[in-house]
Amino acid sequence: MARTNKRGLVIAIVALVLAAVVGTWFVFSGNDDTAGDPASPSPSPSATPAESPTPSATGEQCDPMGAGFVPTEFEMPDSDAVTPVLSLGRDENDAAAAPPKDASHTTGWFNEGPMAGSTAGKIVLTIHTYRNGGALGNEMYEDGPKKVEVGDRMVLRDENGNVACYEVSAIEKIWVAEYDLESDAIYDWEGDPQIAVVICWDFNNETEDWDSRIVYYADPVNDGPSGSDRSEMPAPTNGPTAPPSN
């Protein structure tokens, strides 16, 4: 009888242990809706993203300043103006040439100066103004329908997808009679990178010529190399001797 009682006690203990194990399993697995799904991997730390080019006003990416490129298109997005660009040298007055007379909405790039997107000097661009109106230069200044203001964007592109973006930082009037040939107001090969967009203004009916130039200075949106890494272009031995003209 004692043996039977002892055997029954052992069976009871074993049953209690089994019940405890089964209960524990239900507690930790029975109420988890995702228990059957594979474990999600822990997110690995991502590398610090490289600095992205700055978007232009049109949403495209602006390249950092570098070796430069020959521009084929000029855009002023804030003024809703897009023009083709012609590569031009000097005119008969020894100045940066303007586009052909009938090219009212075309931009000239002075190809003896820095290229678009270069890291030093002024990229000289010329645009026509007509005495009776009708050219892009007439529309850009004073109360013109495409008036350009400080803070506006300017974008130069080429056919290979290069994009150089600038922001207008100053608008200056230069009187031809006071123009200093030794200054870097328009022509500059070594200074900080800038665009200098030149239009004629103040038509003189007596001389049938323009008495002033309006210059739009625009600084790069993306910085580039400085110091010894700048792609300075050597100035010509005999630089232009006159401001651009129509």
C-alpha atoms as a PDB file:
ATOM      1  CA  MET A   1       0.000   0.000   0.000  1.00  0.00           C
ATOM      2  CA  ALA A   2       2.854   2.364   0.825  1.00  0.00           C
ATOM      3  CA  ARG A   3       4.466   1.520  -2.462  1.00  0.00           C
ATOM      4  CA  THR A   4       1.266   2.342  -4.335  1.00  0.00           C
ATOM      5  CA  ASN A   5       0.958   5.704  -2.591  1.00  0.00           C
ATOM      6  CA  LYS A   6       4.558   6.563  -3.391  1.00  0.00           C
ATOM      7  CA  ARG A   7       4.105   5.657  -7.041  1.00  0.00           C
ATOM      8  CA  GLY A   8       0.980   7.800  -7.253  1.00  0.00           C
ATOM      9  CA  LEU A   9       2.833  10.744  -5.751  1.00  0.00           C
ATOM     10  CA  VAL A  10       5.565  10.521  -8.414  1.00  0.00           C
ATOM     11  CA  ILE A  11       2.948  10.413 -11.195  1.00  0.00           C
ATOM     12  CA  ALA A  12       1.223  13.475  -9.723  1.00  0.00           C
ATOM     13  CA  ILE A  13       4.491  15.441  -9.589  1.00  0.00           C
ATOM     14  CA  VAL A  14       5.323  14.573 -13.189  1.00  0.00           C
ATOM     15  CA  ALA A  15       1.874  15.671 -14.298  1.00  0.00           C
ATOM     16  CA  LEU A  16       2.253  19.024 -12.537  1.00  0.00           C
ATOM     17  CA  VAL A  17       5.637  19.642 -14.224  1.00  0.00           C
ATOM     18  CA  LEU A  18       4.214  18.852 -17.669  1.00  0.00           C
ATOM     19  CA  ALA A  19       1.253  21.161 -17.043  1.00  0.00           C
ATOM     20  CA  ALA A  20       3.608  23.986 -16.080  1.00  0.00           C
ATOM     21  CA  VAL A  21       5.712  23.558 -19.250  1.00  0.00           C
ATOM     22  CA  VAL A  22       2.656  23.519 -21.524  1.00  0.00           C
ATOM     23  CA  GLY A  23       1.196  26.598 -19.809  1.00  0.00           C
ATOM     24  CA  THR A  24       4.443  28.516 -20.229  1.00  0.00           C
ATOM     25  CA  TRP A  25       4.539  27.712 -23.942  1.00  0.00           C
ATOM     26  CA  PHE A  26       1.017  29.102 -24.421  1.00  0.00           C
ATOM     27  CA  VAL A  27       1.890  32.298 -22.544  1.00  0.00           C
ATOM     28  CA  PHE A  28       4.878  33.106 -24.752  1.00  0.00           C
ATOM     29  CA  SER A  29       3.619  31.911 -28.125  1.00  0.00           C
ATOM     30  CA  GLY A  30      -0.097  31.432 -28.205  1.00  0.00           C
ATOM     31  CA  ASN A  31      -1.083  35.191 -28.268  1.00  0.00           C
ATOM     32  CA  ASP A  32       1.538  36.518 -30.793  1.00  0.00           C
ATOM     33  CA  ASP A  33      -0.108  37.201 -34.214  1.00  0.00           C
ATOM     34  CA  THR A  34       3.280  37.366 -35.931  1.00  0.00           C
ATOM     35  CA  ALA A  35       4.829  34.321 -34.298  1.00  0.00           C
ATOM     36  CA  GLY A  36       4.768  32.441 -37.592  1.00  0.00           C
ATOM     37  CA  ASP A  37       6.458  35.262 -39.588  1.00  0.00           C
ATOM     38  CA  PRO A  38      10.218  35.276 -40.112  1.00  0.00           C
ATOM     39  CA  ALA A  39      12.007  37.722 -37.866  1.00  0.00           C
ATOM     40  CA  SER A  40      12.562  41.144 -39.420  1.00  0.00           C
ATOM     41  CA  PRO A  41      16.291  41.974 -39.735  1.00  0.00           C
ATOM     42  CA  SER A  42      17.513  44.828 -37.597  1.00  0.00           C
ATOM     43  CA  PRO A  43      18.171  47.943 -39.689  1.00  0.00           C
ATOM     44  CA  SER A  44      21.860  48.414 -40.274  1.00  0.00           C
ATOM     45  CA  PRO A  45      23.295  51.877 -39.790  1.00  0.00           C
ATOM     46  CA  SER A  46      23.409  53.733 -43.115  1.00  0.00           C
ATOM     47  CA  ALA A  47      26.435  55.592 -44.309  1.00  0.00           C
ATOM     48  CA  THR A  48      26.325  59.381 -44.276  1.00  0.00           C
ATOM     49  CA  PRO A  49      24.927  60.384 -47.690  1.00  0.00           C
ATOM     50  CA  ALA A  50      27.192  62.326 -49.988  1.00  0.00           C
ATOM     51  CA  GLU A  51      26.356  65.992 -50.460  1.00  0.00           C
ATOM     52  CA  SER A  52      23.824  66.292 -53.268  1.00  0.00           C
ATOM     53  CA  PRO A  53      24.066  68.964 -55.949  1.00  0.00           C
ATOM     54  CA  THR A  54      21.808  71.938 -55.358  1.00  0.00           C
ATOM     55  CA  PRO A  55      18.590  71.878 -57.404  1.00  0.00           C
ATOM     56  CA  SER A  56      18.061  74.705 -59.864  1.00  0.00           C
ATOM     57  CA  ALA A  57      14.851  76.694 -60.035  1.00  0.00           C
ATOM     58  CA  THR A  58      13.648  74.196 -62.647  1.00  0.00           C
ATOM     59  CA  GLY A  59      14.265  71.218 -60.351  1.00  0.00           C
ATOM     60  CA  GLU A  60      17.348  69.858 -62.125  1.00  0.00           C
ATOM     61  CA  GLN A  61      20.654  69.367 -60.312  1.00  0.00           C
ATOM     62  CA  CYS A  62      23.268  72.125 -60.379  1.00  0.00           C
ATOM     63  CA  ASP A  63      26.844  70.944 -60.798  1.00  0.00           C
ATOM     64  CA  PRO A  64      29.627  72.200 -58.511  1.00  0.00           C
ATOM     65  CA  MET A  65      32.009  74.687 -60.085  1.00  0.00           C
ATOM     66  CA  GLY A  66      34.867  72.946 -61.896  1.00  0.00           C
ATOM     67  CA  ALA A  67      36.851  72.985 -65.116  1.00  0.00           C
ATOM     68  CA  GLY A  68      33.985  74.648 -66.988  1.00  0.00           C
ATOM     69  CA  PHE A  69      32.167  73.982 -70.242  1.00  0.00           C
ATOM     70  CA  VAL A  70      31.046  75.802 -73.389  1.00  0.00           C
ATOM     71  CA  PRO A  71      27.442  76.925 -72.795  1.00  0.00           C
ATOM     72  CA  THR A  72      24.761  76.395 -75.417  1.00  0.00           C
ATOM     73  CA  GLU A  73      21.696  77.540 -73.447  1.00  0.00           C
ATOM     74  CA  PHE A  74      21.010  80.338 -70.976  1.00  0.00           C
ATOM     75  CA  GLU A  75      17.931  80.437 -68.779  1.00  0.00           C
ATOM     76  CA  MET A  76      16.528  82.984 -66.336  1.00  0.00           C
ATOM     77  CA  PRO A  77      13.769  80.873 -64.727  1.00  0.00           C
ATOM     78  CA  ASP A  78      12.349  83.678 -62.599  1.00  0.00           C
ATOM     79  CA  SER A  79      11.833  85.742 -65.755  1.00  0.00           C
ATOM     80  CA  ASP A  80      10.580  82.819 -67.840  1.00  0.00           C
ATOM     81  CA  ALA A  81      13.324  83.386 -70.413  1.00  0.00           C
ATOM     82  CA  VAL A  82      15.354  80.709 -72.223  1.00  0.00           C
ATOM     83  CA  THR A  83      17.771  81.565 -75.038  1.00  0.00           C
ATOM     84  CA  PRO A  84      20.331  79.793 -77.204  1.00  0.00           C
ATOM     85  CA  VAL A  85      23.951  80.784 -76.596  1.00  0.00           C
ATOM     86  CA  LEU A  86      26.435  81.644 -79.344  1.00  0.00           C
ATOM     87  CA  SER A  87      30.192  81.386 -78.821  1.00  0.00           C
ATOM     88  CA  LEU A  88      31.598  84.772 -79.900  1.00  0.00           C
ATOM     89  CA  GLY A  89      34.922  86.567 -79.891  1.00  0.00           C
ATOM     90  CA  ARG A  90      35.488  90.316 -80.329  1.00  0.00           C
ATOM     91  CA  ASP A  91      33.696  92.816 -82.534  1.00  0.00           C
ATOM     92  CA  GLU A  92      35.084  95.656 -84.660  1.00  0.00           C
ATOM     93  CA  ASN A  93      35.327  97.849 -81.556  1.00  0.00           C
ATOM     94  CA  ASP A  94      37.600  95.342 -79.776  1.00  0.00           C
ATOM     95  CA  ALA A  95      34.826  94.477 -77.326  1.00  0.00           C
ATOM     96  CA  ALA A  96      33.077  91.216 -76.488  1.00  0.00           C
ATOM     97  CA  ALA A  97      30.788  90.672 -79.462  1.00  0.00           C
ATOM     98  CA  ALA A  98      27.006  90.677 -79.251  1.00  0.00           C
ATOM     99  CA  PRO A  99      24.769  88.243 -81.176  1.00  0.00           C
ATOM    100  CA  PRO A 100      23.679  89.147 -84.739  1.00  0.00           C
ATOM    101  CA  LYS A 101      21.503  92.241 -84.911  1.00  0.00           C
ATOM    102  CA  ASP A 102      18.339  90.314 -85.680  1.00  0.00           C
ATOM    103  CA  ALA A 103      18.861  87.812 -82.835  1.00  0.00           C
ATOM    104  CA  SER A 104      16.649  89.624 -80.353  1.00  0.00           C
ATOM    105  CA  HIS A 105      16.447  86.748 -77.864  1.00  0.00           C
ATOM    106  CA  THR A 106      19.864  85.143 -78.184  1.00  0.00           C
ATOM    107  CA  THR A 107      22.783  85.314 -75.747  1.00  0.00           C
ATOM    108  CA  GLY A 108      26.428  85.746 -76.713  1.00  0.00           C
ATOM    109  CA  TRP A 109      29.183  84.100 -74.665  1.00  0.00           C
ATOM    110  CA  PHE A 110      32.610  85.789 -74.839  1.00  0.00           C
ATOM    111  CA  ASN A 111      34.801  82.810 -75.712  1.00  0.00           C
ATOM    112  CA  GLU A 112      38.074  84.502 -74.781  1.00  0.00           C
ATOM    113  CA  GLY A 113      36.962  84.577 -71.144  1.00  0.00           C
ATOM    114  CA  PRO A 114      36.118  81.906 -68.567  1.00  0.00           C
ATOM    115  CA  MET A 115      33.753  79.088 -69.449  1.00  0.00           C
ATOM    116  CA  ALA A 116      30.436  78.361 -67.778  1.00  0.00           C
ATOM    117  CA  GLY A 117      30.870  76.626 -64.439  1.00  0.00           C
ATOM    118  CA  SER A 118      34.550  77.554 -64.095  1.00  0.00           C
ATOM    119  CA  THR A 119      36.022  78.399 -60.718  1.00  0.00           C
ATOM    120  CA  ALA A 120      37.495  81.819 -61.467  1.00  0.00           C
ATOM    121  CA  GLY A 121      36.754  84.964 -63.424  1.00  0.00           C
ATOM    122  CA  LYS A 122      33.712  86.519 -65.044  1.00  0.00           C
ATOM    123  CA  ILE A 123      31.683  84.683 -67.665  1.00  0.00           C
ATOM    124  CA  VAL A 124      30.695  87.551 -69.957  1.00  0.00           C
ATOM    125  CA  LEU A 125      27.295  87.203 -71.618  1.00  0.00           C
ATOM    126  CA  THR A 126      25.833  89.752 -74.041  1.00  0.00           C
ATOM    127  CA  ILE A 127      22.152  90.329 -74.857  1.00  0.00           C
ATOM    128  CA  HIS A 128      20.613  92.838 -77.268  1.00  0.00           C
ATOM    129  CA  THR A 129      18.588  95.925 -76.404  1.00  0.00           C
ATOM    130  CA  TYR A 130      16.737  97.663 -79.261  1.00  0.00           C
ATOM    131  CA  ARG A 131      16.146 101.396 -79.289  1.00  0.00           C
ATOM    132  CA  ASN A 132      12.446 100.860 -80.036  1.00  0.00           C
ATOM    133  CA  GLY A 133      12.054  97.811 -77.795  1.00  0.00           C
ATOM    134  CA  GLY A 134      11.395  94.197 -78.697  1.00  0.00           C
ATOM    135  CA  ALA A 135      14.652  92.583 -77.549  1.00  0.00           C
ATOM    136  CA  LEU A 136      15.319  90.561 -74.405  1.00  0.00           C
ATOM    137  CA  GLY A 137      17.467  93.350 -72.983  1.00  0.00           C
ATOM    138  CA  ASN A 138      14.465  95.720 -73.096  1.00  0.00           C
ATOM    139  CA  GLU A 139      12.409  93.168 -71.185  1.00  0.00           C
ATOM    140  CA  MET A 140      14.999  92.534 -68.470  1.00  0.00           C
ATOM    141  CA  TYR A 141      15.422  96.028 -67.020  1.00  0.00           C
ATOM    142  CA  GLU A 142      13.298  98.619 -65.200  1.00  0.00           C
ATOM    143  CA  ASP A 143       9.619  97.800 -65.777  1.00  0.00           C
ATOM    144  CA  GLY A 144      10.128  95.188 -68.485  1.00  0.00           C
ATOM    145  CA  PRO A 145       7.910  92.075 -68.515  1.00  0.00           C
ATOM    146  CA  LYS A 146      10.926  89.847 -67.789  1.00  0.00           C
ATOM    147  CA  LYS A 147      12.540  92.137 -65.236  1.00  0.00           C
ATOM    148  CA  VAL A 148      15.557  90.544 -63.541  1.00  0.00           C
ATOM    149  CA  GLU A 149      16.093  91.276 -59.857  1.00  0.00           C
ATOM    150  CA  VAL A 150      18.639  90.498 -57.163  1.00  0.00           C
ATOM    151  CA  GLY A 151      18.048  86.948 -55.925  1.00  0.00           C
ATOM    152  CA  ASP A 152      16.887  85.624 -59.313  1.00  0.00           C
ATOM    153  CA  ARG A 153      18.479  82.473 -60.712  1.00  0.00           C
ATOM    154  CA  MET A 154      20.529  82.206 -63.895  1.00  0.00           C
ATOM    155  CA  VAL A 155      21.366  78.824 -65.410  1.00  0.00           C
ATOM    156  CA  LEU A 156      23.882  77.867 -68.094  1.00  0.00           C
ATOM    157  CA  ARG A 157      23.774  74.448 -69.797  1.00  0.00           C
ATOM    158  CA  ASP A 158      25.476  72.546 -72.573  1.00  0.00           C
ATOM    159  CA  GLU A 159      24.383  69.661 -74.803  1.00  0.00           C
ATOM    160  CA  ASN A 160      26.168  67.106 -72.594  1.00  0.00           C
ATOM    161  CA  GLY A 161      23.982  67.744 -69.575  1.00  0.00           C
ATOM    162  CA  ASN A 162      26.308  70.064 -67.667  1.00  0.00           C
ATOM    163  CA  VAL A 163      24.420  72.630 -65.590  1.00  0.00           C
ATOM    164  CA  ALA A 164      25.888  75.672 -63.830  1.00  0.00           C
ATOM    165  CA  CYS A 165      23.573  77.710 -61.607  1.00  0.00           C
ATOM    166  CA  TYR A 166      24.006  81.255 -60.380  1.00  0.00           C
ATOM    167  CA  GLU A 167      22.079  83.775 -58.330  1.00  0.00           C
ATOM    168  CA  VAL A 168      21.939  87.469 -59.155  1.00  0.00           C
ATOM    169  CA  SER A 169      23.835  89.365 -56.453  1.00  0.00           C
ATOM    170  CA  ALA A 170      24.031  92.884 -57.896  1.00  0.00           C
ATOM    171  CA  ILE A 171      22.810  95.027 -60.802  1.00  0.00           C
ATOM    172  CA  GLU A 172      25.032  97.941 -61.773  1.00  0.00           C
ATOM    173  CA  LYS A 173      24.890 100.703 -64.368  1.00  0.00           C
ATOM    174  CA  ILE A 174      28.220 101.585 -65.980  1.00  0.00           C
ATOM    175  CA  TRP A 175      28.444 104.779 -68.004  1.00  0.00           C
ATOM    176  CA  VAL A 176      30.568 104.255 -71.098  1.00  0.00           C
ATOM    177  CA  ALA A 177      32.250 107.657 -70.660  1.00  0.00           C
ATOM    178  CA  GLU A 178      33.408 106.590 -67.197  1.00  0.00           C
ATOM    179  CA  TYR A 179      34.399 103.027 -68.009  1.00  0.00           C
ATOM    180  CA  ASP A 180      37.850 102.133 -66.674  1.00  0.00           C
ATOM    181  CA  LEU A 181      39.709  99.786 -69.001  1.00  0.00           C
ATOM    182  CA  GLU A 182      41.877  98.639 -66.118  1.00  0.00           C
ATOM    183  CA  SER A 183      38.935  97.614 -63.971  1.00  0.00           C
ATOM    184  CA  ASP A 184      37.462  94.139 -63.636  1.00  0.00           C
ATOM    185  CA  ALA A 185      33.884  95.427 -63.829  1.00  0.00           C
ATOM    186  CA  ILE A 186      33.250  93.346 -66.962  1.00  0.00           C
ATOM    187  CA  TYR A 187      36.362  91.447 -68.036  1.00  0.00           C
ATOM    188  CA  ASP A 188      38.075  89.351 -65.376  1.00  0.00           C
ATOM    189  CA  TRP A 189      40.057  86.135 -65.694  1.00  0.00           C
ATOM    190  CA  GLU A 190      41.311  85.646 -62.145  1.00  0.00           C
ATOM    191  CA  GLY A 191      38.763  86.877 -59.593  1.00  0.00           C
ATOM    192  CA  ASP A 192      35.882  85.080 -57.928  1.00  0.00           C
ATOM    193  CA  PRO A 193      33.636  83.166 -60.325  1.00  0.00           C
ATOM    194  CA  GLN A 194      30.680  85.167 -61.579  1.00  0.00           C
ATOM    195  CA  ILE A 195      28.388  85.701 -64.503  1.00  0.00           C
ATOM    196  CA  ALA A 196      28.362  89.230 -65.938  1.00  0.00           C
ATOM    197  CA  VAL A 197      25.341  89.677 -68.221  1.00  0.00           C
ATOM    198  CA  VAL A 198      25.701  92.924 -70.171  1.00  0.00           C
ATOM    199  CA  ILE A 199      22.922  94.844 -71.921  1.00  0.00           C
ATOM    200  CA  CYS A 200      23.030  98.323 -73.483  1.00  0.00           C
ATOM    201  CA  TRP A 201      20.947 101.172 -72.038  1.00  0.00           C
ATOM    202  CA  ASP A 202      20.335 104.916 -72.350  1.00  0.00           C
ATOM    203  CA  PHE A 203      20.204 105.268 -76.120  1.00  0.00           C
ATOM    204  CA  ASN A 204      21.517 108.638 -77.269  1.00  0.00           C
ATOM    205  CA  ASN A 205      19.581 109.939 -80.287  1.00  0.00           C
ATOM    206  CA  GLU A 206      22.271 112.471 -81.130  1.00  0.00           C
ATOM    207  CA  THR A 207      25.137 110.001 -81.296  1.00  0.00           C
ATOM    208  CA  GLU A 208      22.880 107.074 -82.161  1.00  0.00           C
ATOM    209  CA  ASP A 209      24.739 105.003 -79.627  1.00  0.00           C
ATOM    210  CA  TRP A 210      24.190 103.675 -76.114  1.00  0.00           C
ATOM    211  CA  ASP A 211      25.571 105.738 -73.241  1.00  0.00           C
ATOM    212  CA  SER A 212      25.513 103.055 -70.543  1.00  0.00           C
ATOM    213  CA  ARG A 213      25.623  99.346 -69.875  1.00  0.00           C
ATOM    214  CA  ILE A 214      23.549  97.467 -67.328  1.00  0.00           C
ATOM    215  CA  VAL A 215      25.539  94.591 -65.813  1.00  0.00           C
ATOM    216  CA  TYR A 216      23.860  91.757 -63.930  1.00  0.00           C
ATOM    217  CA  TYR A 217      26.338  90.021 -61.632  1.00  0.00           C
ATOM    218  CA  ALA A 218      25.441  86.498 -60.515  1.00  0.00           C
ATOM    219  CA  ASP A 219      27.374  84.279 -58.094  1.00  0.00           C
ATOM    220  CA  PRO A 220      27.584  80.464 -58.192  1.00  0.00           C
ATOM    221  CA  VAL A 221      24.952  78.550 -56.234  1.00  0.00           C
ATOM    222  CA  ASN A 222      27.406  75.658 -55.643  1.00  0.00           C
ATOM    223  CA  ASP A 223      30.909  76.437 -54.433  1.00  0.00           C
ATOM    224  CA  GLY A 224      33.899  74.813 -56.063  1.00  0.00           C
ATOM    225  CA  PRO A 225      37.623  74.489 -55.382  1.00  0.00           C
ATOM    226  CA  SER A 226      39.533  77.483 -54.099  1.00  0.00           C
ATOM    227  CA  GLY A 227      43.148  78.595 -54.032  1.00  0.00           C
ATOM    228  CA  SER A 228      45.516  76.367 -56.014  1.00  0.00           C
ATOM    229  CA  ASP A 229      42.621  74.194 -57.225  1.00  0.00           C
ATOM    230  CA  ARG A 230      40.884  77.034 -59.027  1.00  0.00           C
ATOM    231  CA  SER A 231      40.844  76.775 -62.798  1.00  0.00           C
ATOM    232  CA  GLU A 232      42.105  80.292 -63.462  1.00  0.00           C
ATOM    233  CA  MET A 233      42.356  81.189 -67.116  1.00  0.00           C
ATOM    234  CA  PRO A 234      45.345  83.290 -68.144  1.00  0.00           C
ATOM    235  CA  ALA A 235      44.337  86.767 -69.240  1.00  0.00           C
ATOM    236  CA  PRO A 236      45.168  87.612 -72.855  1.00  0.00           C
ATOM    237  CA  THR A 237      48.152  89.862 -73.422  1.00  0.00           C
ATOM    238  CA  ASN A 238      45.879  92.422 -75.045  1.00  0.00           C
ATOM    239  CA  GLY A 239      42.431  92.291 -73.502  1.00  0.00           C
ATOM    240  CA  PRO A 240      39.299  93.964 -74.903  1.00  0.00           C
ATOM    241  CA  THR A 241      39.475  97.725 -74.928  1.00  0.00           C
ATOM    242  CA  ALA A 242      35.756  98.523 -74.811  1.00  0.00           C
ATOM    243  CA  PRO A 243      32.625  97.343 -73.026  1.00  0.00           C
ATOM    244  CA  PRO A 244      30.281  95.107 -75.046  1.00  0.00           C
ATOM    245  CA  SER A 245      27.900  96.935 -77.347  1.00  0.00           C
ATOM    246  CA  ASN A 246      24.897  96.264 -79.540  1.00  0.00           C
END
